[in-house]
Amino acid sequence: MQKTILIVDDDESILNSIKAILELEGYKVITRNKNDKHLYKLILNCSPQLILLDVLISNHDGRIICKRLKTDKLVCNIPIILVSGYLPASKNFADYGADGFIAKPFDVDELIFKIKKIIA
């Protein structure tokens, strides 16, 4: 069964790059270029096995979004990896319930390794 990954990032070039890489690895990829009121519905509808979530997205803090998702009974078991060029966020990502952190610019091998480790 093909595993689904949801990528939420407001940088189209990042979305397209990660999507292309992950599709080559055999994943179904759904992208969202902003955080809005429909994000939660999208998560419920597509039931991703993993969410890659930008820390600074459309004037929102991805860490807060992560924390909200991790406290919701319907979606709390979905692993979330925070992605950011803001390196101080790498020190406290677990405080928000995130299952991992990937720094931008990302290393493709590290990205694939972390994803496979979480959703083997």
PDB file of N, CA and C in Angstrom:
ATOM      1  N   MET A   1       0.829  -1.184   0.000  1.00  0.00           N
ATOM      2  CA  MET A   1       0.000   0.000   0.000  1.00  0.00           C
ATOM      3  C   MET A   1       0.878   1.253   0.000  1.00  0.00           C
ATOM      4  N   GLN A   2       0.567   2.180  -0.863  1.00  0.00           N
ATOM      5  CA  GLN A   2       1.322   3.419  -0.976  1.00  0.00           C
ATOM      6  C   GLN A   2       1.034   4.308   0.230  1.00  0.00           C
ATOM      7  N   LYS A   3       2.081   4.815   0.832  1.00  0.00           N
ATOM      8  CA  LYS A   3       1.937   5.680   2.006  1.00  0.00           C
ATOM      9  C   LYS A   3       1.818   7.135   1.566  1.00  0.00           C
ATOM     10  N   THR A   4       0.994   7.875   2.307  1.00  0.00           N
ATOM     11  CA  THR A   4       0.708   9.267   1.976  1.00  0.00           C
ATOM     12  C   THR A   4       1.450  10.198   2.924  1.00  0.00           C
ATOM     13  N   ILE A   5       2.079  11.202   2.334  1.00  0.00           N
ATOM     14  CA  ILE A   5       2.765  12.237   3.108  1.00  0.00           C
ATOM     15  C   ILE A   5       2.158  13.583   2.738  1.00  0.00           C
ATOM     16  N   LEU A   6       1.797  14.350   3.755  1.00  0.00           N
ATOM     17  CA  LEU A   6       1.288  15.703   3.564  1.00  0.00           C
ATOM     18  C   LEU A   6       2.422  16.674   3.864  1.00  0.00           C
ATOM     19  N   ILE A   7       2.688  17.571   2.912  1.00  0.00           N
ATOM     20  CA  ILE A   7       3.714  18.599   3.103  1.00  0.00           C
ATOM     21  C   ILE A   7       3.014  19.949   3.194  1.00  0.00           C
ATOM     22  N   VAL A   8       3.300  20.697   4.271  1.00  0.00           N
ATOM     23  CA  VAL A   8       2.715  22.023   4.464  1.00  0.00           C
ATOM     24  C   VAL A   8       3.864  23.020   4.548  1.00  0.00           C
ATOM     25  N   ASP A   9       3.966  23.855   3.514  1.00  0.00           N
ATOM     26  CA  ASP A   9       5.050  24.842   3.442  1.00  0.00           C
ATOM     27  C   ASP A   9       4.589  25.954   2.523  1.00  0.00           C
ATOM     28  N   ASP A  10       4.898  27.209   2.860  1.00  0.00           N
ATOM     29  CA  ASP A  10       4.470  28.323   2.017  1.00  0.00           C
ATOM     30  C   ASP A  10       5.471  28.664   0.918  1.00  0.00           C
ATOM     31  N   ASP A  11       6.541  27.907   0.801  1.00  0.00           N
ATOM     32  CA  ASP A  11       7.541  28.106  -0.248  1.00  0.00           C
ATOM     33  C   ASP A  11       7.296  27.066  -1.349  1.00  0.00           C
ATOM     34  N   GLU A  12       6.784  27.534  -2.480  1.00  0.00           N
ATOM     35  CA  GLU A  12       6.448  26.628  -3.580  1.00  0.00           C
ATOM     36  C   GLU A  12       7.645  25.814  -4.065  1.00  0.00           C
ATOM     37  N   SER A  13       8.831  26.409  -4.080  1.00  0.00           N
ATOM     38  CA  SER A  13      10.003  25.669  -4.557  1.00  0.00           C
ATOM     39  C   SER A  13      10.344  24.509  -3.610  1.00  0.00           C
ATOM     40  N   ILE A  14      10.183  24.729  -2.305  1.00  0.00           N
ATOM     41  CA  ILE A  14      10.403  23.655  -1.331  1.00  0.00           C
ATOM     42  C   ILE A  14       9.351  22.562  -1.528  1.00  0.00           C
ATOM     43  N   LEU A  15       8.091  22.964  -1.651  1.00  0.00           N
ATOM     44  CA  LEU A  15       7.010  21.993  -1.869  1.00  0.00           C
ATOM     45  C   LEU A  15       7.293  21.127  -3.094  1.00  0.00           C
ATOM     46  N   ASN A  16       7.627  21.784  -4.193  1.00  0.00           N
ATOM     47  CA  ASN A  16       7.865  21.046  -5.433  1.00  0.00           C
ATOM     48  C   ASN A  16       9.077  20.132  -5.339  1.00  0.00           C
ATOM     49  N   SER A  17      10.134  20.596  -4.689  1.00  0.00           N
ATOM     50  CA  SER A  17      11.348  19.791  -4.540  1.00  0.00           C
ATOM     51  C   SER A  17      11.088  18.543  -3.702  1.00  0.00           C
ATOM     52  N   ILE A  18      10.492  18.744  -2.538  1.00  0.00           N
ATOM     53  CA  ILE A  18      10.236  17.604  -1.651  1.00  0.00           C
ATOM     54  C   ILE A  18       9.227  16.649  -2.299  1.00  0.00           C
ATOM     55  N   LYS A  19       8.220  17.202  -2.945  1.00  0.00           N
ATOM     56  CA  LYS A  19       7.218  16.350  -3.602  1.00  0.00           C
ATOM     57  C   LYS A  19       7.884  15.457  -4.653  1.00  0.00           C
ATOM     58  N   ALA A  20       8.722  16.036  -5.489  1.00  0.00           N
ATOM     59  CA  ALA A  20       9.393  15.256  -6.543  1.00  0.00           C
ATOM     60  C   ALA A  20      10.266  14.154  -5.947  1.00  0.00           C
ATOM     61  N   ILE A  21      11.006  14.496  -4.909  1.00  0.00           N
ATOM     62  CA  ILE A  21      11.887  13.515  -4.254  1.00  0.00           C
ATOM     63  C   ILE A  21      11.079  12.367  -3.674  1.00  0.00           C
ATOM     64  N   LEU A  22      10.015  12.693  -2.966  1.00  0.00           N
ATOM     65  CA  LEU A  22       9.235  11.658  -2.291  1.00  0.00           C
ATOM     66  C   LEU A  22       8.424  10.810  -3.265  1.00  0.00           C
ATOM     67  N   GLU A  23       7.957  11.407  -4.339  1.00  0.00           N
ATOM     68  CA  GLU A  23       7.245  10.613  -5.346  1.00  0.00           C
ATOM     69  C   GLU A  23       8.189   9.617  -6.008  1.00  0.00           C
ATOM     70  N   LEU A  24       9.435  10.015  -6.214  1.00  0.00           N
ATOM     71  CA  LEU A  24      10.433   9.071  -6.759  1.00  0.00           C
ATOM     72  C   LEU A  24      10.683   7.912  -5.793  1.00  0.00           C
ATOM     73  N   GLU A  25      10.468   8.166  -4.507  1.00  0.00           N
ATOM     74  CA  GLU A  25      10.643   7.119  -3.488  1.00  0.00           C
ATOM     75  C   GLU A  25       9.388   6.251  -3.338  1.00  0.00           C
ATOM     76  N   GLY A  26       8.342   6.585  -4.092  1.00  0.00           N
ATOM     77  CA  GLY A  26       7.142   5.765  -4.084  1.00  0.00           C
ATOM     78  C   GLY A  26       6.021   6.218  -3.169  1.00  0.00           C
ATOM     79  N   TYR A  27       6.145   7.413  -2.608  1.00  0.00           N
ATOM     80  CA  TYR A  27       5.106   7.922  -1.718  1.00  0.00           C
ATOM     81  C   TYR A  27       4.058   8.700  -2.509  1.00  0.00           C
ATOM     82  N   LYS A  28       2.832   8.690  -2.000  1.00  0.00           N
ATOM     83  CA  LYS A  28       1.799   9.591  -2.496  1.00  0.00           C
ATOM     84  C   LYS A  28       1.990  10.887  -1.721  1.00  0.00           C
ATOM     85  N   VAL A  29       2.064  12.008  -2.414  1.00  0.00           N
ATOM     86  CA  VAL A  29       2.368  13.277  -1.757  1.00  0.00           C
ATOM     87  C   VAL A  29       1.235  14.271  -2.003  1.00  0.00           C
ATOM     88  N   ILE A  30       0.773  14.870  -0.930  1.00  0.00           N
ATOM     89  CA  ILE A  30      -0.218  15.932  -0.988  1.00  0.00           C
ATOM     90  C   ILE A  30       0.452  17.182  -0.431  1.00  0.00           C
ATOM     91  N   THR A  31       0.273  18.295  -1.112  1.00  0.00           N
ATOM     92  CA  THR A  31       0.918  19.534  -0.663  1.00  0.00           C
ATOM     93  C   THR A  31      -0.127  20.574  -0.302  1.00  0.00           C
ATOM     94  N   ARG A  32       0.284  21.430   0.605  1.00  0.00           N
ATOM     95  CA  ARG A  32      -0.530  22.569   1.026  1.00  0.00           C
ATOM     96  C   ARG A  32       0.432  23.733   1.201  1.00  0.00           C
ATOM     97  N   ASN A  33       0.137  24.870   0.560  1.00  0.00           N
ATOM     98  CA  ASN A  33       1.086  25.977   0.602  1.00  0.00           C
ATOM     99  C   ASN A  33       0.768  27.025   1.647  1.00  0.00           C
ATOM    100  N   LYS A  34      -0.162  26.720   2.533  1.00  0.00           N
ATOM    101  CA  LYS A  34      -0.457  27.672   3.605  1.00  0.00           C
ATOM    102  C   LYS A  34      -1.193  26.948   4.714  1.00  0.00           C
ATOM    103  N   ASN A  35      -1.217  27.584   5.866  1.00  0.00           N
ATOM    104  CA  ASN A  35      -2.027  27.088   6.971  1.00  0.00           C
ATOM    105  C   ASN A  35      -3.343  27.850   6.921  1.00  0.00           C
ATOM    106  N   ASP A  36      -4.419  27.122   6.850  1.00  0.00           N
ATOM    107  CA  ASP A  36      -5.720  27.776   6.891  1.00  0.00           C
ATOM    108  C   ASP A  36      -6.724  26.868   7.588  1.00  0.00           C
ATOM    109  N   LYS A  37      -7.938  27.322   7.640  1.00  0.00           N
ATOM    110  CA  LYS A  37      -8.962  26.576   8.359  1.00  0.00           C
ATOM    111  C   LYS A  37      -9.261  25.219   7.723  1.00  0.00           C
ATOM    112  N   HIS A  38      -8.841  25.024   6.485  1.00  0.00           N
ATOM    113  CA  HIS A  38      -9.111  23.767   5.792  1.00  0.00           C
ATOM    114  C   HIS A  38      -8.028  22.714   6.017  1.00  0.00           C
ATOM    115  N   LEU A  39      -6.944  23.079   6.660  1.00  0.00           N
ATOM    116  CA  LEU A  39      -5.846  22.136   6.874  1.00  0.00           C
ATOM    117  C   LEU A  39      -6.305  20.938   7.697  1.00  0.00           C
ATOM    118  N   TYR A  40      -7.022  21.176   8.742  1.00  0.00           N
ATOM    119  CA  TYR A  40      -7.495  20.088   9.606  1.00  0.00           C
ATOM    120  C   TYR A  40      -8.399  19.133   8.823  1.00  0.00           C
ATOM    121  N   LYS A  41      -9.317  19.686   8.029  1.00  0.00           N
ATOM    122  CA  LYS A  41     -10.199  18.848   7.208  1.00  0.00           C
ATOM    123  C   LYS A  41      -9.387  18.033   6.206  1.00  0.00           C
ATOM    124  N   LEU A  42      -8.374  18.654   5.627  1.00  0.00           N
ATOM    125  CA  LEU A  42      -7.515  17.941   4.681  1.00  0.00           C
ATOM    126  C   LEU A  42      -6.837  16.761   5.363  1.00  0.00           C
ATOM    127  N   ILE A  43      -6.335  16.974   6.564  1.00  0.00           N
ATOM    128  CA  ILE A  43      -5.673  15.905   7.309  1.00  0.00           C
ATOM    129  C   ILE A  43      -6.660  14.774   7.583  1.00  0.00           C
ATOM    130  N   LEU A  44      -7.862  15.100   7.987  1.00  0.00           N
ATOM    131  CA  LEU A  44      -8.879  14.077   8.245  1.00  0.00           C
ATOM    132  C   LEU A  44      -9.238  13.318   6.967  1.00  0.00           C
ATOM    133  N   ASN A  45      -9.330  14.027   5.856  1.00  0.00           N
ATOM    134  CA  ASN A  45      -9.741  13.402   4.601  1.00  0.00           C
ATOM    135  C   ASN A  45      -8.660  12.548   3.950  1.00  0.00           C
ATOM    136  N   CYS A  46      -7.404  12.985   4.029  1.00  0.00           N
ATOM    137  CA  CYS A  46      -6.346  12.237   3.331  1.00  0.00           C
ATOM    138  C   CYS A  46      -5.631  11.242   4.229  1.00  0.00           C
ATOM    139  N   SER A  47      -5.829  11.338   5.530  1.00  0.00           N
ATOM    140  CA  SER A  47      -5.224  10.410   6.499  1.00  0.00           C
ATOM    141  C   SER A  47      -3.759  10.104   6.185  1.00  0.00           C
ATOM    142  N   PRO A  48      -2.911  11.123   6.213  1.00  0.00           N
ATOM    143  CA  PRO A  48      -1.502  10.879   5.873  1.00  0.00           C
ATOM    144  C   PRO A  48      -0.803  10.030   6.936  1.00  0.00           C
ATOM    145  N   GLN A  49       0.218   9.309   6.502  1.00  0.00           N
ATOM    146  CA  GLN A  49       1.029   8.551   7.443  1.00  0.00           C
ATOM    147  C   GLN A  49       2.114   9.428   8.060  1.00  0.00           C
ATOM    148  N   LEU A  50       2.315  10.632   7.479  1.00  0.00           N
ATOM    149  CA  LEU A  50       3.326  11.573   7.961  1.00  0.00           C
ATOM    150  C   LEU A  50       2.972  12.965   7.478  1.00  0.00           C
ATOM    151  N   ILE A  51       3.270  13.965   8.318  1.00  0.00           N
ATOM    152  CA  ILE A  51       3.128  15.367   7.937  1.00  0.00           C
ATOM    153  C   ILE A  51       4.500  16.030   8.055  1.00  0.00           C
ATOM    154  N   LEU A  52       4.930  16.678   6.976  1.00  0.00           N
ATOM    155  CA  LEU A  52       6.119  17.539   7.012  1.00  0.00           C
ATOM    156  C   LEU A  52       5.588  18.959   7.119  1.00  0.00           C
ATOM    157  N   LEU A  53       5.923  19.641   8.203  1.00  0.00           N
ATOM    158  CA  LEU A  53       5.310  20.928   8.522  1.00  0.00           C
ATOM    159  C   LEU A  53       6.371  21.999   8.727  1.00  0.00           C
ATOM    160  N   ASP A  54       6.286  23.045   7.926  1.00  0.00           N
ATOM    161  CA  ASP A  54       7.206  24.174   8.050  1.00  0.00           C
ATOM    162  C   ASP A  54       6.957  24.883   9.381  1.00  0.00           C
ATOM    163  N   VAL A  55       8.019  25.362  10.006  1.00  0.00           N
ATOM    164  CA  VAL A  55       7.886  26.066  11.284  1.00  0.00           C
ATOM    165  C   VAL A  55       7.304  27.466  11.092  1.00  0.00           C
ATOM    166  N   LEU A  56       7.775  28.195  10.112  1.00  0.00           N
ATOM    167  CA  LEU A  56       7.272  29.548   9.862  1.00  0.00           C
ATOM    168  C   LEU A  56       6.478  29.527   8.563  1.00  0.00           C
ATOM    169  N   ILE A  57       5.159  29.512   8.700  1.00  0.00           N
ATOM    170  CA  ILE A  57       4.299  29.363   7.526  1.00  0.00           C
ATOM    171  C   ILE A  57       3.148  30.358   7.565  1.00  0.00           C
ATOM    172  N   SER A  58       3.088  31.190   6.550  1.00  0.00           N
ATOM    173  CA  SER A  58       1.978  32.127   6.372  1.00  0.00           C
ATOM    174  C   SER A  58       1.597  32.848   7.667  1.00  0.00           C
ATOM    175  N   ASN A  59       2.570  33.452   8.295  1.00  0.00           N
ATOM    176  CA  ASN A  59       2.358  34.209   9.536  1.00  0.00           C
ATOM    177  C   ASN A  59       1.845  33.364  10.697  1.00  0.00           C
ATOM    178  N   HIS A  60       2.110  32.069  10.660  1.00  0.00           N
ATOM    179  CA  HIS A  60       1.745  31.164  11.738  1.00  0.00           C
ATOM    180  C   HIS A  60       3.003  30.424  12.192  1.00  0.00           C
ATOM    181  N   ASP A  61       2.924  29.860  13.344  1.00  0.00           N
ATOM    182  CA  ASP A  61       4.025  29.074  13.881  1.00  0.00           C
ATOM    183  C   ASP A  61       3.664  27.591  13.759  1.00  0.00           C
ATOM    184  N   GLY A  62       4.396  26.872  12.918  1.00  0.00           N
ATOM    185  CA  GLY A  62       4.138  25.454  12.711  1.00  0.00           C
ATOM    186  C   GLY A  62       4.254  24.640  13.983  1.00  0.00           C
ATOM    187  N   ARG A  63       5.046  25.120  14.932  1.00  0.00           N
ATOM    188  CA  ARG A  63       5.169  24.399  16.205  1.00  0.00           C
ATOM    189  C   ARG A  63       3.843  24.415  16.965  1.00  0.00           C
ATOM    190  N   ILE A  64       3.135  25.535  16.906  1.00  0.00           N
ATOM    191  CA  ILE A  64       1.838  25.636  17.571  1.00  0.00           C
ATOM    192  C   ILE A  64       0.817  24.759  16.848  1.00  0.00           C
ATOM    193  N   ILE A  65       0.857  24.762  15.537  1.00  0.00           N
ATOM    194  CA  ILE A  65      -0.026  23.887  14.760  1.00  0.00           C
ATOM    195  C   ILE A  65       0.246  22.441  15.134  1.00  0.00           C
ATOM    196  N   CYS A  66       1.509  22.081  15.224  1.00  0.00           N
ATOM    197  CA  CYS A  66       1.909  20.722  15.602  1.00  0.00           C
ATOM    198  C   CYS A  66       1.341  20.359  16.975  1.00  0.00           C
ATOM    199  N   LYS A  67       1.502  21.257  17.914  1.00  0.00           N
ATOM    200  CA  LYS A  67       1.029  20.993  19.284  1.00  0.00           C
ATOM    201  C   LYS A  67      -0.487  20.780  19.305  1.00  0.00           C
ATOM    202  N   ARG A  68      -1.212  21.587  18.534  1.00  0.00           N
ATOM    203  CA  ARG A  68      -2.671  21.420  18.460  1.00  0.00           C
ATOM    204  C   ARG A  68      -3.039  20.064  17.873  1.00  0.00           C
ATOM    205  N   LEU A  69      -2.353  19.687  16.803  1.00  0.00           N
ATOM    206  CA  LEU A  69      -2.644  18.397  16.169  1.00  0.00           C
ATOM    207  C   LEU A  69      -2.329  17.243  17.117  1.00  0.00           C
ATOM    208  N   LYS A  70      -1.247  17.368  17.866  1.00  0.00           N
ATOM    209  CA  LYS A  70      -0.831  16.285  18.756  1.00  0.00           C
ATOM    210  C   LYS A  70      -1.731  16.155  19.986  1.00  0.00           C
ATOM    211  N   THR A  71      -2.575  17.155  20.248  1.00  0.00           N
ATOM    212  CA  THR A  71      -3.504  17.050  21.366  1.00  0.00           C
ATOM    213  C   THR A  71      -4.916  16.679  20.906  1.00  0.00           C
ATOM    214  N   ASP A  72      -5.095  16.486  19.607  1.00  0.00           N
ATOM    215  CA  ASP A  72      -6.396  16.136  19.057  1.00  0.00           C
ATOM    216  C   ASP A  72      -6.502  14.614  18.913  1.00  0.00           C
ATOM    217  N   LYS A  73      -7.501  14.020  19.517  1.00  0.00           N
ATOM    218  CA  LYS A  73      -7.640  12.562  19.533  1.00  0.00           C
ATOM    219  C   LYS A  73      -7.729  11.948  18.141  1.00  0.00           C
ATOM    220  N   LEU A  74      -8.267  12.682  17.177  1.00  0.00           N
ATOM    221  CA  LEU A  74      -8.463  12.119  15.841  1.00  0.00           C
ATOM    222  C   LEU A  74      -7.185  12.061  15.010  1.00  0.00           C
ATOM    223  N   VAL A  75      -6.233  12.922  15.312  1.00  0.00           N
ATOM    224  CA  VAL A  75      -5.034  12.994  14.463  1.00  0.00           C
ATOM    225  C   VAL A  75      -3.716  12.898  15.238  1.00  0.00           C
ATOM    226  N   CYS A  76      -3.793  12.718  16.543  1.00  0.00           N
ATOM    227  CA  CYS A  76      -2.588  12.784  17.380  1.00  0.00           C
ATOM    228  C   CYS A  76      -1.556  11.695  17.065  1.00  0.00           C
ATOM    229  N   ASN A  77      -1.959  10.622  16.429  1.00  0.00           N
ATOM    230  CA  ASN A  77      -1.016   9.535  16.136  1.00  0.00           C
ATOM    231  C   ASN A  77      -0.280   9.711  14.817  1.00  0.00           C
ATOM    232  N   ILE A  78      -0.597  10.750  14.075  1.00  0.00           N
ATOM    233  CA  ILE A  78       0.099  11.001  12.817  1.00  0.00           C
ATOM    234  C   ILE A  78       1.452  11.633  13.144  1.00  0.00           C
ATOM    235  N   PRO A  79       2.548  10.999  12.722  1.00  0.00           N
ATOM    236  CA  PRO A  79       3.868  11.597  12.977  1.00  0.00           C
ATOM    237  C   PRO A  79       4.015  12.923  12.237  1.00  0.00           C
ATOM    238  N   ILE A  80       4.689  13.863  12.883  1.00  0.00           N
ATOM    239  CA  ILE A  80       4.950  15.176  12.289  1.00  0.00           C
ATOM    240  C   ILE A  80       6.441  15.468  12.384  1.00  0.00           C
ATOM    241  N   ILE A  81       7.019  15.831  11.249  1.00  0.00           N
ATOM    242  CA  ILE A  81       8.405  16.306  11.216  1.00  0.00           C
ATOM    243  C   ILE A  81       8.355  17.794  10.901  1.00  0.00           C
ATOM    244  N   LEU A  82       8.922  18.601  11.783  1.00  0.00           N
ATOM    245  CA  LEU A  82       9.017  20.034  11.535  1.00  0.00           C
ATOM    246  C   LEU A  82      10.208  20.298  10.626  1.00  0.00           C
ATOM    247  N   VAL A  83      10.012  21.236   9.696  1.00  0.00           N
ATOM    248  CA  VAL A  83      11.048  21.587   8.727  1.00  0.00           C
ATOM    249  C   VAL A  83      11.259  23.093   8.821  1.00  0.00           C
ATOM    250  N   SER A  84      12.533  23.520   8.923  1.00  0.00           N
ATOM    251  CA  SER A  84      12.753  24.964   9.045  1.00  0.00           C
ATOM    252  C   SER A  84      14.199  25.360   8.776  1.00  0.00           C
ATOM    253  N   GLY A  85      14.340  26.567   8.278  1.00  0.00           N
ATOM    254  CA  GLY A  85      15.644  27.188   8.168  1.00  0.00           C
ATOM    255  C   GLY A  85      16.000  27.934   9.444  1.00  0.00           C
ATOM    256  N   TYR A  86      15.049  28.009  10.355  1.00  0.00           N
ATOM    257  CA  TYR A  86      15.241  28.662  11.649  1.00  0.00           C
ATOM    258  C   TYR A  86      15.814  27.612  12.602  1.00  0.00           C
ATOM    259  N   LEU A  87      17.132  27.539  12.664  1.00  0.00           N
ATOM    260  CA  LEU A  87      17.805  26.452  13.367  1.00  0.00           C
ATOM    261  C   LEU A  87      17.554  26.381  14.875  1.00  0.00           C
ATOM    262  N   PRO A  88      17.290  27.500  15.576  1.00  0.00           N
ATOM    263  CA  PRO A  88      16.956  27.350  16.995  1.00  0.00           C
ATOM    264  C   PRO A  88      15.729  26.454  17.235  1.00  0.00           C
ATOM    265  N   ALA A  89      14.861  26.329  16.235  1.00  0.00           N
ATOM    266  CA  ALA A  89      13.682  25.465  16.375  1.00  0.00           C
ATOM    267  C   ALA A  89      14.072  23.997  16.506  1.00  0.00           C
ATOM    268  N   SER A  90      15.277  23.656  16.102  1.00  0.00           N
ATOM    269  CA  SER A  90      15.724  22.259  16.183  1.00  0.00           C
ATOM    270  C   SER A  90      15.972  21.826  17.628  1.00  0.00           C
ATOM    271  N   LYS A  91      16.138  22.786  18.512  1.00  0.00           N
ATOM    272  CA  LYS A  91      16.450  22.461  19.901  1.00  0.00           C
ATOM    273  C   LYS A  91      15.227  22.075  20.732  1.00  0.00           C
ATOM    274  N   ASN A  92      14.042  22.552  20.337  1.00  0.00           N
ATOM    275  CA  ASN A  92      12.874  22.290  21.177  1.00  0.00           C
ATOM    276  C   ASN A  92      11.687  21.701  20.419  1.00  0.00           C
ATOM    277  N   PHE A  93      11.921  21.100  19.255  1.00  0.00           N
ATOM    278  CA  PHE A  93      10.800  20.586  18.467  1.00  0.00           C
ATOM    279  C   PHE A  93       9.984  19.544  19.232  1.00  0.00           C
ATOM    280  N   ALA A  94      10.627  18.743  20.076  1.00  0.00           N
ATOM    281  CA  ALA A  94       9.919  17.699  20.825  1.00  0.00           C
ATOM    282  C   ALA A  94       8.964  18.300  21.865  1.00  0.00           C
ATOM    283  N   ASP A  95       9.257  19.511  22.318  1.00  0.00           N
ATOM    284  CA  ASP A  95       8.365  20.172  23.277  1.00  0.00           C
ATOM    285  C   ASP A  95       6.975  20.427  22.691  1.00  0.00           C
ATOM    286  N   TYR A  96       6.887  20.447  21.377  1.00  0.00           N
ATOM    287  CA  TYR A  96       5.623  20.693  20.691  1.00  0.00           C
ATOM    288  C   TYR A  96       4.979  19.397  20.194  1.00  0.00           C
ATOM    289  N   GLY A  97       5.598  18.275  20.506  1.00  0.00           N
ATOM    290  CA  GLY A  97       5.056  16.978  20.123  1.00  0.00           C
ATOM    291  C   GLY A  97       5.558  16.459  18.798  1.00  0.00           C
ATOM    292  N   ALA A  98       6.444  17.200  18.137  1.00  0.00           N
ATOM    293  CA  ALA A  98       6.958  16.769  16.837  1.00  0.00           C
ATOM    294  C   ALA A  98       7.812  15.515  16.991  1.00  0.00           C
ATOM    295  N   ASP A  99       7.784  14.708  15.956  1.00  0.00           N
ATOM    296  CA  ASP A  99       8.521  13.447  15.959  1.00  0.00           C
ATOM    297  C   ASP A  99       9.919  13.570  15.355  1.00  0.00           C
ATOM    298  N   GLY A 100      10.222  14.744  14.809  1.00  0.00           N
ATOM    299  CA  GLY A 100      11.534  14.952  14.227  1.00  0.00           C
ATOM    300  C   GLY A 100      11.670  16.371  13.713  1.00  0.00           C
ATOM    301  N   PHE A 101      12.883  16.692  13.267  1.00  0.00           N
ATOM    302  CA  PHE A 101      13.193  18.023  12.737  1.00  0.00           C
ATOM    303  C   PHE A 101      14.162  17.864  11.579  1.00  0.00           C
ATOM    304  N   ILE A 102      13.919  18.618  10.512  1.00  0.00           N
ATOM    305  CA  ILE A 102      14.832  18.646   9.367  1.00  0.00           C
ATOM    306  C   ILE A 102      15.139  20.110   9.072  1.00  0.00           C
ATOM    307  N   ALA A 103      16.427  20.420   8.999  1.00  0.00           N
ATOM    308  CA  ALA A 103      16.856  21.794   8.731  1.00  0.00           C
ATOM    309  C   ALA A 103      16.829  22.081   7.233  1.00  0.00           C
ATOM    310  N   LYS A 104      16.446  23.310   6.901  1.00  0.00           N
ATOM    311  CA  LYS A 104      16.556  23.805   5.529  1.00  0.00           C
ATOM    312  C   LYS A 104      17.854  24.573   5.420  1.00  0.00           C
ATOM    313  N   PRO A 105      18.555  24.519   4.350  1.00  0.00           N
ATOM    314  CA  PRO A 105      18.317  23.613   3.238  1.00  0.00           C
ATOM    315  C   PRO A 105      18.571  22.180   3.681  1.00  0.00           C
ATOM    316  N   PHE A 106      17.759  21.271   3.195  1.00  0.00           N
ATOM    317  CA  PHE A 106      17.835  19.897   3.661  1.00  0.00           C
ATOM    318  C   PHE A 106      18.726  19.049   2.763  1.00  0.00           C
ATOM    319  N   ASP A 107      19.267  18.018   3.363  1.00  0.00           N
ATOM    320  CA  ASP A 107      20.030  17.007   2.644  1.00  0.00           C
ATOM    321  C   ASP A 107      19.037  15.927   2.221  1.00  0.00           C
ATOM    322  N   VAL A 108      19.001  15.593   0.940  1.00  0.00           N
ATOM    323  CA  VAL A 108      18.027  14.633   0.421  1.00  0.00           C
ATOM    324  C   VAL A 108      18.127  13.286   1.128  1.00  0.00           C
ATOM    325  N   ASP A 109      19.343  12.811   1.325  1.00  0.00           N
ATOM    326  CA  ASP A 109      19.515  11.511   1.988  1.00  0.00           C
ATOM    327  C   ASP A 109      19.002  11.546   3.426  1.00  0.00           C
ATOM    328  N   GLU A 110      19.248  12.643   4.126  1.00  0.00           N
ATOM    329  CA  GLU A 110      18.754  12.784   5.500  1.00  0.00           C
ATOM    330  C   GLU A 110      17.230  12.825   5.514  1.00  0.00           C
ATOM    331  N   LEU A 111      16.636  13.553   4.578  1.00  0.00           N
ATOM    332  CA  LEU A 111      15.186  13.640   4.471  1.00  0.00           C
ATOM    333  C   LEU A 111      14.579  12.250   4.297  1.00  0.00           C
ATOM    334  N   ILE A 112      15.084  11.506   3.353  1.00  0.00           N
ATOM    335  CA  ILE A 112      14.558  10.165   3.079  1.00  0.00           C
ATOM    336  C   ILE A 112      14.794   9.240   4.266  1.00  0.00           C
ATOM    337  N   PHE A 113      15.973   9.307   4.865  1.00  0.00           N
ATOM    338  CA  PHE A 113      16.287   8.461   6.019  1.00  0.00           C
ATOM    339  C   PHE A 113      15.312   8.718   7.169  1.00  0.00           C
ATOM    340  N   LYS A 114      15.085   9.988   7.494  1.00  0.00           N
ATOM    341  CA  LYS A 114      14.197  10.317   8.621  1.00  0.00           C
ATOM    342  C   LYS A 114      12.762   9.896   8.342  1.00  0.00           C
ATOM    343  N   ILE A 115      12.327  10.065   7.111  1.00  0.00           N
ATOM    344  CA  ILE A 115      10.970   9.663   6.753  1.00  0.00           C
ATOM    345  C   ILE A 115      10.821   8.144   6.867  1.00  0.00           C
ATOM    346  N   LYS A 116      11.766   7.411   6.299  1.00  0.00           N
ATOM    347  CA  LYS A 116      11.690   5.950   6.346  1.00  0.00           C
ATOM    348  C   LYS A 116      11.791   5.424   7.776  1.00  0.00           C
ATOM    349  N   LYS A 117      12.555   6.105   8.604  1.00  0.00           N
ATOM    350  CA  LYS A 117      12.695   5.696  10.005  1.00  0.00           C
ATOM    351  C   LYS A 117      11.351   5.821  10.727  1.00  0.00           C
ATOM    352  N   ILE A 118      10.588   6.850  10.391  1.00  0.00           N
ATOM    353  CA  ILE A 118       9.317   7.090  11.072  1.00  0.00           C
ATOM    354  C   ILE A 118       8.178   6.266  10.487  1.00  0.00           C
ATOM    355  N   ILE A 119       8.144   6.125   9.170  1.00  0.00           N
ATOM    356  CA  ILE A 119       7.014   5.409   8.573  1.00  0.00           C
ATOM    357  C   ILE A 119       7.457   4.186   7.766  1.00  0.00           C
ATOM    358  N   ALA A 120       8.380   3.456   8.315  1.00  0.00           N
ATOM    359  CA  ALA A 120       8.896   2.251   7.637  1.00  0.00           C
ATOM    360  C   ALA A 120       7.826   1.404   7.160  1.00  0.00           C
TER     361      ALA A 120
END
